[in-house]
Amino acid sequence: MNTQGERIKKIRQELDLSQDDFGKIFNVQKQQISSIEKDKLKLNNEKLELLCSQYNVNINWVLCGKGEMFITAPQNTSANKDEIIKIVEDYLERRARDNELNR
């Protein structure tokens, strides 16, 4: 991916969005997305920030083509998620048992 427009197009495709749907994220028309992908227009800083923050896109990749396209979440996130699920399941199980005892 040599140009910023090509990288924006690749992000859109990775997110499995049409130009129309991608434009809705930024409140712009499909034609503007097409122009951005053809390097006739650029995303302004506000729209770049929105793209990067909402979709975990690596700003360095968008602007320079360096690094990975997406920023990966910390590795312990899934362990925390599993722990939270277990806590909720245990709580619901205790609550169901308490309800049965109170009948």
PDB file of N, CA and C in Angstrom:
ATOM      1  N   MET A   1       0.846  -1.170   0.000  1.00  0.00           N
ATOM      2  CA  MET A   1       0.000   0.000   0.000  1.00  0.00           C
ATOM      3  C   MET A   1       0.896   1.240   0.000  1.00  0.00           C
ATOM      4  N   ASN A   2       0.951   1.896  -1.110  1.00  0.00           N
ATOM      5  CA  ASN A   2       1.856   3.031  -1.238  1.00  0.00           C
ATOM      6  C   ASN A   2       1.254   4.356  -0.818  1.00  0.00           C
ATOM      7  N   THR A   3      -0.031   4.543  -1.005  1.00  0.00           N
ATOM      8  CA  THR A   3      -0.616   5.853  -0.709  1.00  0.00           C
ATOM      9  C   THR A   3      -1.593   5.763   0.460  1.00  0.00           C
ATOM     10  N   GLN A   4      -1.836   6.923   1.050  1.00  0.00           N
ATOM     11  CA  GLN A   4      -2.793   6.981   2.148  1.00  0.00           C
ATOM     12  C   GLN A   4      -4.173   6.551   1.672  1.00  0.00           C
ATOM     13  N   GLY A   5      -4.553   6.959   0.489  1.00  0.00           N
ATOM     14  CA  GLY A   5      -5.854   6.581  -0.054  1.00  0.00           C
ATOM     15  C   GLY A   5      -5.997   5.073  -0.202  1.00  0.00           C
ATOM     16  N   GLU A   6      -4.941   4.413  -0.668  1.00  0.00           N
ATOM     17  CA  GLU A   6      -4.965   2.950  -0.798  1.00  0.00           C
ATOM     18  C   GLU A   6      -5.094   2.301   0.569  1.00  0.00           C
ATOM     19  N   ARG A   7      -4.435   2.880   1.574  1.00  0.00           N
ATOM     20  CA  ARG A   7      -4.525   2.327   2.928  1.00  0.00           C
ATOM     21  C   ARG A   7      -5.926   2.527   3.517  1.00  0.00           C
ATOM     22  N   ILE A   8      -6.530   3.680   3.261  1.00  0.00           N
ATOM     23  CA  ILE A   8      -7.901   3.924   3.725  1.00  0.00           C
ATOM     24  C   ILE A   8      -8.848   2.912   3.086  1.00  0.00           C
ATOM     25  N   LYS A   9      -8.659   2.653   1.801  1.00  0.00           N
ATOM     26  CA  LYS A   9      -9.497   1.672   1.102  1.00  0.00           C
ATOM     27  C   LYS A   9      -9.325   0.289   1.718  1.00  0.00           C
ATOM     28  N   LYS A  10      -8.085  -0.077   2.027  1.00  0.00           N
ATOM     29  CA  LYS A  10      -7.806  -1.389   2.627  1.00  0.00           C
ATOM     30  C   LYS A  10      -8.485  -1.503   3.990  1.00  0.00           C
ATOM     31  N   ILE A  11      -8.457  -0.439   4.779  1.00  0.00           N
ATOM     32  CA  ILE A  11      -9.135  -0.449   6.084  1.00  0.00           C
ATOM     33  C   ILE A  11     -10.625  -0.672   5.882  1.00  0.00           C
ATOM     34  N   ARG A  12     -11.205   0.072   4.962  1.00  0.00           N
ATOM     35  CA  ARG A  12     -12.640  -0.068   4.687  1.00  0.00           C
ATOM     36  C   ARG A  12     -12.975  -1.499   4.296  1.00  0.00           C
ATOM     37  N   GLN A  13     -12.151  -2.080   3.439  1.00  0.00           N
ATOM     38  CA  GLN A  13     -12.392  -3.455   3.001  1.00  0.00           C
ATOM     39  C   GLN A  13     -12.226  -4.435   4.151  1.00  0.00           C
ATOM     40  N   GLU A  14     -11.231  -4.226   4.996  1.00  0.00           N
ATOM     41  CA  GLU A  14     -11.025  -5.103   6.159  1.00  0.00           C
ATOM     42  C   GLU A  14     -12.200  -5.014   7.127  1.00  0.00           C
ATOM     43  N   LEU A  15     -12.815  -3.848   7.209  1.00  0.00           N
ATOM     44  CA  LEU A  15     -13.991  -3.672   8.064  1.00  0.00           C
ATOM     45  C   LEU A  15     -15.266  -4.157   7.377  1.00  0.00           C
ATOM     46  N   ASP A  16     -15.114  -4.603   6.141  1.00  0.00           N
ATOM     47  CA  ASP A  16     -16.227  -5.136   5.340  1.00  0.00           C
ATOM     48  C   ASP A  16     -17.352  -4.110   5.199  1.00  0.00           C
ATOM     49  N   LEU A  17     -16.954  -2.881   4.834  1.00  0.00           N
ATOM     50  CA  LEU A  17     -17.918  -1.805   4.664  1.00  0.00           C
ATOM     51  C   LEU A  17     -17.915  -1.312   3.226  1.00  0.00           C
ATOM     52  N   SER A  18     -19.080  -0.967   2.724  1.00  0.00           N
ATOM     53  CA  SER A  18     -19.177  -0.333   1.405  1.00  0.00           C
ATOM     54  C   SER A  18     -18.691   1.111   1.545  1.00  0.00           C
ATOM     55  N   GLN A  19     -18.440   1.761   0.428  1.00  0.00           N
ATOM     56  CA  GLN A  19     -18.062   3.170   0.486  1.00  0.00           C
ATOM     57  C   GLN A  19     -19.181   3.993   1.117  1.00  0.00           C
ATOM     58  N   ASP A  20     -20.404   3.650   0.819  1.00  0.00           N
ATOM     59  CA  ASP A  20     -21.552   4.358   1.381  1.00  0.00           C
ATOM     60  C   ASP A  20     -21.589   4.212   2.902  1.00  0.00           C
ATOM     61  N   ASP A  21     -21.454   2.983   3.406  1.00  0.00           N
ATOM     62  CA  ASP A  21     -21.472   2.742   4.854  1.00  0.00           C
ATOM     63  C   ASP A  21     -20.269   3.380   5.539  1.00  0.00           C
ATOM     64  N   PHE A  22     -19.106   3.310   4.895  1.00  0.00           N
ATOM     65  CA  PHE A  22     -17.898   3.923   5.442  1.00  0.00           C
ATOM     66  C   PHE A  22     -18.079   5.436   5.533  1.00  0.00           C
ATOM     67  N   GLY A  23     -18.704   6.020   4.517  1.00  0.00           N
ATOM     68  CA  GLY A  23     -18.969   7.450   4.528  1.00  0.00           C
ATOM     69  C   GLY A  23     -19.878   7.872   5.658  1.00  0.00           C
ATOM     70  N   LYS A  24     -20.831   7.020   6.024  1.00  0.00           N
ATOM     71  CA  LYS A  24     -21.752   7.339   7.112  1.00  0.00           C
ATOM     72  C   LYS A  24     -21.019   7.518   8.433  1.00  0.00           C
ATOM     73  N   ILE A  25     -19.926   6.800   8.621  1.00  0.00           N
ATOM     74  CA  ILE A  25     -19.123   6.935   9.841  1.00  0.00           C
ATOM     75  C   ILE A  25     -18.635   8.369   9.988  1.00  0.00           C
ATOM     76  N   PHE A  26     -18.258   8.976   8.863  1.00  0.00           N
ATOM     77  CA  PHE A  26     -17.673  10.315   8.873  1.00  0.00           C
ATOM     78  C   PHE A  26     -18.655  11.405   8.457  1.00  0.00           C
ATOM     79  N   ASN A  27     -19.900  10.995   8.227  1.00  0.00           N
ATOM     80  CA  ASN A  27     -20.924  11.939   7.794  1.00  0.00           C
ATOM     81  C   ASN A  27     -20.539  12.604   6.464  1.00  0.00           C
ATOM     82  N   VAL A  28     -20.051  11.769   5.521  1.00  0.00           N
ATOM     83  CA  VAL A  28     -19.718  12.247   4.177  1.00  0.00           C
ATOM     84  C   VAL A  28     -20.361  11.314   3.154  1.00  0.00           C
ATOM     85  N   GLN A  29     -20.454  11.795   1.944  1.00  0.00           N
ATOM     86  CA  GLN A  29     -21.055  11.026   0.860  1.00  0.00           C
ATOM     87  C   GLN A  29     -20.074   9.983   0.309  1.00  0.00           C
ATOM     88  N   LYS A  30     -20.632   8.993  -0.343  1.00  0.00           N
ATOM     89  CA  LYS A  30     -19.860   7.924  -0.983  1.00  0.00           C
ATOM     90  C   LYS A  30     -18.810   8.509  -1.942  1.00  0.00           C
ATOM     91  N   GLN A  31     -19.156   9.582  -2.651  1.00  0.00           N
ATOM     92  CA  GLN A  31     -18.246  10.184  -3.614  1.00  0.00           C
ATOM     93  C   GLN A  31     -16.986  10.724  -2.931  1.00  0.00           C
ATOM     94  N   GLN A  32     -17.158  11.226  -1.709  1.00  0.00           N
ATOM     95  CA  GLN A  32     -15.996  11.726  -0.973  1.00  0.00           C
ATOM     96  C   GLN A  32     -15.084  10.576  -0.560  1.00  0.00           C
ATOM     97  N   ILE A  33     -15.674   9.455  -0.182  1.00  0.00           N
ATOM     98  CA  ILE A  33     -14.863   8.284   0.167  1.00  0.00           C
ATOM     99  C   ILE A  33     -14.103   7.816  -1.071  1.00  0.00           C
ATOM    100  N   SER A  34     -14.764   7.791  -2.206  1.00  0.00           N
ATOM    101  CA  SER A  34     -14.098   7.420  -3.453  1.00  0.00           C
ATOM    102  C   SER A  34     -12.929   8.352  -3.740  1.00  0.00           C
ATOM    103  N   SER A  35     -13.124   9.646  -3.543  1.00  0.00           N
ATOM    104  CA  SER A  35     -12.051  10.623  -3.778  1.00  0.00           C
ATOM    105  C   SER A  35     -10.906  10.442  -2.789  1.00  0.00           C
ATOM    106  N   ILE A  36     -11.226  10.104  -1.554  1.00  0.00           N
ATOM    107  CA  ILE A  36     -10.189   9.850  -0.545  1.00  0.00           C
ATOM    108  C   ILE A  36      -9.372   8.626  -0.954  1.00  0.00           C
ATOM    109  N   GLU A  37     -10.059   7.566  -1.378  1.00  0.00           N
ATOM    110  CA  GLU A  37      -9.365   6.341  -1.778  1.00  0.00           C
ATOM    111  C   GLU A  37      -8.514   6.543  -3.033  1.00  0.00           C
ATOM    112  N   LYS A  38      -8.859   7.547  -3.846  1.00  0.00           N
ATOM    113  CA  LYS A  38      -8.086   7.857  -5.060  1.00  0.00           C
ATOM    114  C   LYS A  38      -7.062   8.968  -4.809  1.00  0.00           C
ATOM    115  N   ASP A  39      -6.897   9.347  -3.544  1.00  0.00           N
ATOM    116  CA  ASP A  39      -5.948  10.382  -3.128  1.00  0.00           C
ATOM    117  C   ASP A  39      -6.255  11.759  -3.701  1.00  0.00           C
ATOM    118  N   LYS A  40      -7.510  11.998  -4.025  1.00  0.00           N
ATOM    119  CA  LYS A  40      -7.914  13.330  -4.477  1.00  0.00           C
ATOM    120  C   LYS A  40      -8.283  14.205  -3.286  1.00  0.00           C
ATOM    121  N   LEU A  41      -8.690  13.580  -2.188  1.00  0.00           N
ATOM    122  CA  LEU A  41      -9.002  14.237  -0.920  1.00  0.00           C
ATOM    123  C   LEU A  41      -8.303  13.478   0.195  1.00  0.00           C
ATOM    124  N   LYS A  42      -8.166  14.124   1.342  1.00  0.00           N
ATOM    125  CA  LYS A  42      -7.605  13.478   2.539  1.00  0.00           C
ATOM    126  C   LYS A  42      -8.632  13.538   3.655  1.00  0.00           C
ATOM    127  N   LEU A  43      -8.582  12.558   4.546  1.00  0.00           N
ATOM    128  CA  LEU A  43      -9.383  12.646   5.772  1.00  0.00           C
ATOM    129  C   LEU A  43      -8.762  13.726   6.643  1.00  0.00           C
ATOM    130  N   ASN A  44      -9.583  14.606   7.204  1.00  0.00           N
ATOM    131  CA  ASN A  44      -9.022  15.621   8.101  1.00  0.00           C
ATOM    132  C   ASN A  44      -8.648  14.965   9.433  1.00  0.00           C
ATOM    133  N   ASN A  45      -7.986  15.731  10.277  1.00  0.00           N
ATOM    134  CA  ASN A  45      -7.492  15.182  11.548  1.00  0.00           C
ATOM    135  C   ASN A  45      -8.618  14.633  12.416  1.00  0.00           C
ATOM    136  N   GLU A  46      -9.748  15.332  12.441  1.00  0.00           N
ATOM    137  CA  GLU A  46     -10.880  14.882  13.247  1.00  0.00           C
ATOM    138  C   GLU A  46     -11.375  13.510  12.773  1.00  0.00           C
ATOM    139  N   LYS A  47     -11.477  13.336  11.470  1.00  0.00           N
ATOM    140  CA  LYS A  47     -11.954  12.068  10.919  1.00  0.00           C
ATOM    141  C   LYS A  47     -10.913  10.960  11.087  1.00  0.00           C
ATOM    142  N   LEU A  48      -9.640  11.307  10.975  1.00  0.00           N
ATOM    143  CA  LEU A  48      -8.586  10.316  11.231  1.00  0.00           C
ATOM    144  C   LEU A  48      -8.639   9.847  12.680  1.00  0.00           C
ATOM    145  N   GLU A  49      -8.836  10.789  13.601  1.00  0.00           N
ATOM    146  CA  GLU A  49      -8.925  10.438  15.018  1.00  0.00           C
ATOM    147  C   GLU A  49     -10.122   9.523  15.273  1.00  0.00           C
ATOM    148  N   LEU A  50     -11.249   9.836  14.645  1.00  0.00           N
ATOM    149  CA  LEU A  50     -12.436   9.004  14.785  1.00  0.00           C
ATOM    150  C   LEU A  50     -12.176   7.592  14.270  1.00  0.00           C
ATOM    151  N   LEU A  51     -11.594   7.485  13.097  1.00  0.00           N
ATOM    152  CA  LEU A  51     -11.285   6.175  12.511  1.00  0.00           C
ATOM    153  C   LEU A  51     -10.377   5.369  13.430  1.00  0.00           C
ATOM    154  N   CYS A  52      -9.328   6.004  13.913  1.00  0.00           N
ATOM    155  CA  CYS A  52      -8.356   5.294  14.740  1.00  0.00           C
ATOM    156  C   CYS A  52      -8.919   4.910  16.104  1.00  0.00           C
ATOM    157  N   SER A  53      -9.683   5.793  16.709  1.00  0.00           N
ATOM    158  CA  SER A  53     -10.196   5.494  18.045  1.00  0.00           C
ATOM    159  C   SER A  53     -11.350   4.494  18.017  1.00  0.00           C
ATOM    160  N   GLN A  54     -12.216   4.586  17.034  1.00  0.00           N
ATOM    161  CA  GLN A  54     -13.383   3.716  16.987  1.00  0.00           C
ATOM    162  C   GLN A  54     -13.070   2.316  16.471  1.00  0.00           C
ATOM    163  N   TYR A  55     -12.057   2.198  15.631  1.00  0.00           N
ATOM    164  CA  TYR A  55     -11.794   0.912  14.987  1.00  0.00           C
ATOM    165  C   TYR A  55     -10.399   0.371  15.270  1.00  0.00           C
ATOM    166  N   ASN A  56      -9.717   0.931  16.270  1.00  0.00           N
ATOM    167  CA  ASN A  56      -8.377   0.481  16.667  1.00  0.00           C
ATOM    168  C   ASN A  56      -7.399   0.462  15.506  1.00  0.00           C
ATOM    169  N   VAL A  57      -7.505   1.473  14.642  1.00  0.00           N
ATOM    170  CA  VAL A  57      -6.603   1.588  13.499  1.00  0.00           C
ATOM    171  C   VAL A  57      -5.326   2.285  13.955  1.00  0.00           C
ATOM    172  N   ASN A  58      -4.209   1.806  13.478  1.00  0.00           N
ATOM    173  CA  ASN A  58      -2.901   2.359  13.794  1.00  0.00           C
ATOM    174  C   ASN A  58      -2.665   3.605  12.930  1.00  0.00           C
ATOM    175  N   ILE A  59      -2.588   4.772  13.562  1.00  0.00           N
ATOM    176  CA  ILE A  59      -2.409   6.026  12.831  1.00  0.00           C
ATOM    177  C   ILE A  59      -1.120   6.026  12.018  1.00  0.00           C
ATOM    178  N   ASN A  60      -0.070   5.387  12.529  1.00  0.00           N
ATOM    179  CA  ASN A  60       1.189   5.318  11.781  1.00  0.00           C
ATOM    180  C   ASN A  60       1.019   4.545  10.481  1.00  0.00           C
ATOM    181  N   TRP A  61       0.186   3.523  10.519  1.00  0.00           N
ATOM    182  CA  TRP A  61      -0.054   2.747   9.296  1.00  0.00           C
ATOM    183  C   TRP A  61      -0.833   3.590   8.288  1.00  0.00           C
ATOM    184  N   VAL A  62      -1.847   4.313   8.761  1.00  0.00           N
ATOM    185  CA  VAL A  62      -2.648   5.143   7.857  1.00  0.00           C
ATOM    186  C   VAL A  62      -1.770   6.205   7.201  1.00  0.00           C
ATOM    187  N   LEU A  63      -0.994   6.917   7.991  1.00  0.00           N
ATOM    188  CA  LEU A  63      -0.239   8.056   7.483  1.00  0.00           C
ATOM    189  C   LEU A  63       1.044   7.664   6.752  1.00  0.00           C
ATOM    190  N   CYS A  64       1.741   6.639   7.253  1.00  0.00           N
ATOM    191  CA  CYS A  64       3.068   6.318   6.725  1.00  0.00           C
ATOM    192  C   CYS A  64       3.205   4.911   6.163  1.00  0.00           C
ATOM    193  N   GLY A  65       2.224   4.049   6.434  1.00  0.00           N
ATOM    194  CA  GLY A  65       2.335   2.662   5.997  1.00  0.00           C
ATOM    195  C   GLY A  65       3.251   1.833   6.874  1.00  0.00           C
ATOM    196  N   LYS A  66       3.534   2.325   8.091  1.00  0.00           N
ATOM    197  CA  LYS A  66       4.449   1.612   8.990  1.00  0.00           C
ATOM    198  C   LYS A  66       3.669   0.931  10.103  1.00  0.00           C
ATOM    199  N   GLY A  67       4.105  -0.269  10.472  1.00  0.00           N
ATOM    200  CA  GLY A  67       3.458  -1.021  11.540  1.00  0.00           C
ATOM    201  C   GLY A  67       2.298  -1.839  11.004  1.00  0.00           C
ATOM    202  N   GLU A  68       1.456  -2.267  11.917  1.00  0.00           N
ATOM    203  CA  GLU A  68       0.282  -3.067  11.570  1.00  0.00           C
ATOM    204  C   GLU A  68      -0.908  -2.159  11.317  1.00  0.00           C
ATOM    205  N   MET A  69      -1.857  -2.625  10.525  1.00  0.00           N
ATOM    206  CA  MET A  69      -3.049  -1.841  10.214  1.00  0.00           C
ATOM    207  C   MET A  69      -3.871  -1.553  11.467  1.00  0.00           C
ATOM    208  N   PHE A  70      -4.048  -2.564  12.288  1.00  0.00           N
ATOM    209  CA  PHE A  70      -4.860  -2.427  13.496  1.00  0.00           C
ATOM    210  C   PHE A  70      -3.987  -2.579  14.728  1.00  0.00           C
ATOM    211  N   ILE A  71      -4.349  -1.843  15.768  1.00  0.00           N
ATOM    212  CA  ILE A  71      -3.664  -1.956  17.054  1.00  0.00           C
ATOM    213  C   ILE A  71      -4.284  -3.135  17.781  1.00  0.00           C
ATOM    214  N   THR A  72      -3.476  -4.035  18.243  1.00  0.00           N
ATOM    215  CA  THR A  72      -4.013  -5.204  18.932  1.00  0.00           C
ATOM    216  C   THR A  72      -4.276  -4.870  20.386  1.00  0.00           C
ATOM    217  N   ALA A  73      -5.274  -5.510  20.935  1.00  0.00           N
ATOM    218  CA  ALA A  73      -5.625  -5.318  22.340  1.00  0.00           C
ATOM    219  C   ALA A  73      -4.588  -6.014  23.211  1.00  0.00           C
ATOM    220  N   PRO A  74      -4.429  -5.578  24.442  1.00  0.00           N
ATOM    221  CA  PRO A  74      -3.517  -6.258  25.362  1.00  0.00           C
ATOM    222  C   PRO A  74      -3.876  -7.734  25.485  1.00  0.00           C
ATOM    223  N   GLN A  75      -2.875  -8.560  25.632  1.00  0.00           N
ATOM    224  CA  GLN A  75      -3.102  -9.998  25.650  1.00  0.00           C
ATOM    225  C   GLN A  75      -3.941 -10.465  26.821  1.00  0.00           C
ATOM    226  N   ASN A  76      -3.916  -9.755  27.922  1.00  0.00           N
ATOM    227  CA  ASN A  76      -4.677 -10.214  29.087  1.00  0.00           C
ATOM    228  C   ASN A  76      -6.159  -9.859  28.985  1.00  0.00           C
ATOM    229  N   THR A  77      -6.575  -9.158  27.936  1.00  0.00           N
ATOM    230  CA  THR A  77      -7.977  -8.772  27.801  1.00  0.00           C
ATOM    231  C   THR A  77      -8.882  -9.986  27.780  1.00  0.00           C
ATOM    232  N   SER A  78      -8.520 -11.019  27.022  1.00  0.00           N
ATOM    233  CA  SER A  78      -9.384 -12.188  26.942  1.00  0.00           C
ATOM    234  C   SER A  78      -9.399 -12.944  28.264  1.00  0.00           C
ATOM    235  N   ALA A  79      -8.294 -12.945  28.982  1.00  0.00           N
ATOM    236  CA  ALA A  79      -8.282 -13.588  30.302  1.00  0.00           C
ATOM    237  C   ALA A  79      -9.204 -12.828  31.245  1.00  0.00           C
ATOM    238  N   ASN A  80      -9.170 -11.515  31.202  1.00  0.00           N
ATOM    239  CA  ASN A  80     -10.067 -10.713  32.037  1.00  0.00           C
ATOM    240  C   ASN A  80     -11.515 -10.972  31.662  1.00  0.00           C
ATOM    241  N   LYS A  81     -11.792 -11.071  30.385  1.00  0.00           N
ATOM    242  CA  LYS A  81     -13.150 -11.332  29.921  1.00  0.00           C
ATOM    243  C   LYS A  81     -13.631 -12.682  30.447  1.00  0.00           C
ATOM    244  N   ASP A  82     -12.785 -13.710  30.369  1.00  0.00           N
ATOM    245  CA  ASP A  82     -13.152 -15.032  30.872  1.00  0.00           C
ATOM    246  C   ASP A  82     -13.414 -14.990  32.378  1.00  0.00           C
ATOM    247  N   GLU A  83     -12.599 -14.230  33.085  1.00  0.00           N
ATOM    248  CA  GLU A  83     -12.769 -14.108  34.533  1.00  0.00           C
ATOM    249  C   GLU A  83     -14.093 -13.416  34.859  1.00  0.00           C
ATOM    250  N   ILE A  84     -14.404 -12.370  34.128  1.00  0.00           N
ATOM    251  CA  ILE A  84     -15.663 -11.654  34.357  1.00  0.00           C
ATOM    252  C   ILE A  84     -16.856 -12.558  34.071  1.00  0.00           C
ATOM    253  N   ILE A  85     -16.792 -13.312  32.989  1.00  0.00           N
ATOM    254  CA  ILE A  85     -17.875 -14.244  32.646  1.00  0.00           C
ATOM    255  C   ILE A  85     -18.066 -15.258  33.764  1.00  0.00           C
ATOM    256  N   LYS A  86     -16.979 -15.793  34.298  1.00  0.00           N
ATOM    257  CA  LYS A  86     -17.043 -16.774  35.380  1.00  0.00           C
ATOM    258  C   LYS A  86     -17.684 -16.161  36.625  1.00  0.00           C
ATOM    259  N   ILE A  87     -17.314 -14.937  36.962  1.00  0.00           N
ATOM    260  CA  ILE A  87     -17.878 -14.266  38.130  1.00  0.00           C
ATOM    261  C   ILE A  87     -19.378 -14.078  37.955  1.00  0.00           C
ATOM    262  N   VAL A  88     -19.795 -13.643  36.771  1.00  0.00           N
ATOM    263  CA  VAL A  88     -21.222 -13.434  36.499  1.00  0.00           C
ATOM    264  C   VAL A  88     -21.976 -14.754  36.557  1.00  0.00           C
ATOM    265  N   GLU A  89     -21.413 -15.801  35.969  1.00  0.00           N
ATOM    266  CA  GLU A  89     -22.072 -17.114  36.004  1.00  0.00           C
ATOM    267  C   GLU A  89     -22.232 -17.601  37.428  1.00  0.00           C
ATOM    268  N   ASP A  90     -21.183 -17.462  38.248  1.00  0.00           N
ATOM    269  CA  ASP A  90     -21.256 -17.868  39.657  1.00  0.00           C
ATOM    270  C   ASP A  90     -22.332 -17.080  40.394  1.00  0.00           C
ATOM    271  N   TYR A  91     -22.386 -15.786  40.145  1.00  0.00           N
ATOM    272  CA  TYR A  91     -23.384 -14.938  40.790  1.00  0.00           C
ATOM    273  C   TYR A  91     -24.797 -15.389  40.404  1.00  0.00           C
ATOM    274  N   LEU A  92     -25.027 -15.622  39.128  1.00  0.00           N
ATOM    275  CA  LEU A  92     -26.355 -16.040  38.671  1.00  0.00           C
ATOM    276  C   LEU A  92     -26.740 -17.401  39.242  1.00  0.00           C
ATOM    277  N   GLU A  93     -25.763 -18.274  39.354  1.00  0.00           N
ATOM    278  CA  GLU A  93     -26.027 -19.597  39.928  1.00  0.00           C
ATOM    279  C   GLU A  93     -26.406 -19.477  41.408  1.00  0.00           C
ATOM    280  N   ARG A  94     -25.683 -18.670  42.167  1.00  0.00           N
ATOM    281  CA  ARG A  94     -26.005 -18.450  43.587  1.00  0.00           C
ATOM    282  C   ARG A  94     -27.380 -17.819  43.730  1.00  0.00           C
ATOM    283  N   ARG A  95     -27.682 -16.868  42.878  1.00  0.00           N
ATOM    284  CA  ARG A  95     -28.990 -16.192  42.929  1.00  0.00           C
ATOM    285  C   ARG A  95     -30.127 -17.171  42.637  1.00  0.00           C
ATOM    286  N   ALA A  96     -29.934 -18.046  41.661  1.00  0.00           N
ATOM    287  CA  ALA A  96     -30.965 -19.048  41.321  1.00  0.00           C
ATOM    288  C   ALA A  96     -31.149 -19.987  42.511  1.00  0.00           C
ATOM    289  N   ARG A  97     -30.058 -20.416  43.155  1.00  0.00           N
ATOM    290  CA  ARG A  97     -30.163 -21.298  44.316  1.00  0.00           C
ATOM    291  C   ARG A  97     -30.896 -20.596  45.458  1.00  0.00           C
ATOM    292  N   ASP A  98     -30.587 -19.326  45.691  1.00  0.00           N
ATOM    293  CA  ASP A  98     -31.250 -18.557  46.744  1.00  0.00           C
ATOM    294  C   ASP A  98     -32.745 -18.430  46.461  1.00  0.00           C
ATOM    295  N   ASN A  99     -33.102 -18.213  45.230  1.00  0.00           N
ATOM    296  CA  ASN A  99     -34.520 -18.094  44.860  1.00  0.00           C
ATOM    297  C   ASN A  99     -35.253 -19.399  45.103  1.00  0.00           C
ATOM    298  N   GLU A 100     -34.608 -20.526  44.818  1.00  0.00           N
ATOM    299  CA  GLU A 100     -35.239 -21.834  45.046  1.00  0.00           C
ATOM    300  C   GLU A 100     -35.429 -22.082  46.536  1.00  0.00           C
ATOM    301  N   LEU A 101     -34.468 -21.667  47.358  1.00  0.00           N
ATOM    302  CA  LEU A 101     -34.574 -21.865  48.801  1.00  0.00           C
ATOM    303  C   LEU A 101     -35.669 -20.998  49.421  1.00  0.00           C
ATOM    304  N   ASN A 102     -35.903 -19.851  48.840  1.00  0.00           N
ATOM    305  CA  ASN A 102     -36.902 -18.903  49.368  1.00  0.00           C
ATOM    306  C   ASN A 102     -38.321 -19.233  48.907  1.00  0.00           C
ATOM    307  N   ARG A 103     -38.499 -20.233  48.101  1.00  0.00           N
ATOM    308  CA  ARG A 103     -39.856 -20.589  47.633  1.00  0.00           C
ATOM    309  C   ARG A 103     -40.568 -21.407  48.633  1.00  0.00           C
TER     310      ARG A 103
END
